Amino acid sequence: MTATVHPIGAARAPSLEPMFQLVAADLNQVNAVILDRMQSEVALIPELAGHLIAGGGKRM
């Protein structure tokens, strides 16, 4: 018995980009809520909110 191998195309590097495209609008809404609610008399609150948005820690 023999088998024939048929190539299925060029190999692609793995990417999360298609998944990010699916949730991009939601992530932008999350950023907007954080920006809206980050105003506080407590100095640490706006600073932490800025880090969340800049670092993307809430994303995945």
Protein backbone atom coordinates (compact mmCIF):
# COMPACT_ATOMS: atom_id res chain seq x y z
CA MET A 1 0.00 0.00 0.00
CA THR A 2 1.31 3.50 -0.83
CA ALA A 3 0.21 7.02 0.00
CA THR A 4 0.51 10.25 -1.92
CA VAL A 5 1.18 13.51 -0.08
CA HIS A 6 -0.30 16.64 -1.62
CA PRO A 7 1.03 20.01 -0.40
CA ILE A 8 -1.70 22.33 0.88
CA GLY A 9 0.14 25.59 0.28
CA ALA A 10 2.88 27.68 1.75
CA ALA A 11 3.26 27.66 5.51
CA ARG A 12 2.21 30.84 7.30
CA ALA A 13 3.53 32.21 10.52
CA PRO A 14 0.94 32.00 13.32
CA SER A 15 -0.83 35.28 13.98
CA LEU A 16 -3.38 36.61 16.45
CA GLU A 17 -4.27 39.47 14.10
CA PRO A 18 -7.51 37.87 12.78
CA MET A 19 -8.76 37.51 16.36
CA PHE A 20 -7.82 41.11 17.22
CA GLN A 21 -9.73 42.31 14.15
CA LEU A 22 -12.85 40.58 15.46
CA VAL A 23 -12.71 42.39 18.81
CA ALA A 24 -11.15 45.73 17.80
CA ALA A 25 -14.38 47.72 18.13
CA ASP A 26 -15.06 46.25 21.58
CA LEU A 27 -11.53 47.06 22.74
CA ASN A 28 -11.97 50.64 21.58
CA GLN A 29 -15.19 50.86 23.62
CA VAL A 30 -13.36 49.54 26.68
CA ASN A 31 -10.69 52.22 26.22
CA ALA A 32 -13.41 54.88 25.94
CA VAL A 33 -15.04 53.73 29.20
CA ILE A 34 -11.68 53.73 30.99
CA LEU A 35 -10.93 57.24 29.74
CA ASP A 36 -14.39 58.43 30.75
CA ARG A 37 -14.16 57.01 34.26
CA MET A 38 -10.52 57.70 35.01
CA GLN A 39 -11.16 61.22 36.26
CA SER A 40 -10.61 61.25 40.00
CA GLU A 41 -9.29 63.49 42.72
CA VAL A 42 -7.16 60.54 43.79
CA ALA A 43 -3.97 61.06 41.76
CA LEU A 44 -3.27 57.35 41.44
CA ILE A 45 -6.53 56.58 39.59
CA PRO A 46 -5.80 58.54 36.35
CA GLU A 47 -2.23 57.26 36.41
CA LEU A 48 -3.35 53.63 36.63
CA ALA A 49 -5.98 54.13 33.93
CA GLY A 50 -3.34 55.60 31.64
CA HIS A 51 -1.16 52.54 32.18
CA LEU A 52 -4.08 50.23 31.37
CA ILE A 53 -4.73 51.94 28.06
CA ALA A 54 -1.07 52.32 27.08
CA GLY A 55 -0.07 48.81 28.09
CA GLY A 56 -3.03 46.93 26.70
CA GLY A 57 -3.18 44.81 29.85
CA LYS A 58 -6.95 44.54 29.70
CA ARG A 59 -6.91 43.12 26.21
CA MET A 60 -6.29 39.44 26.57
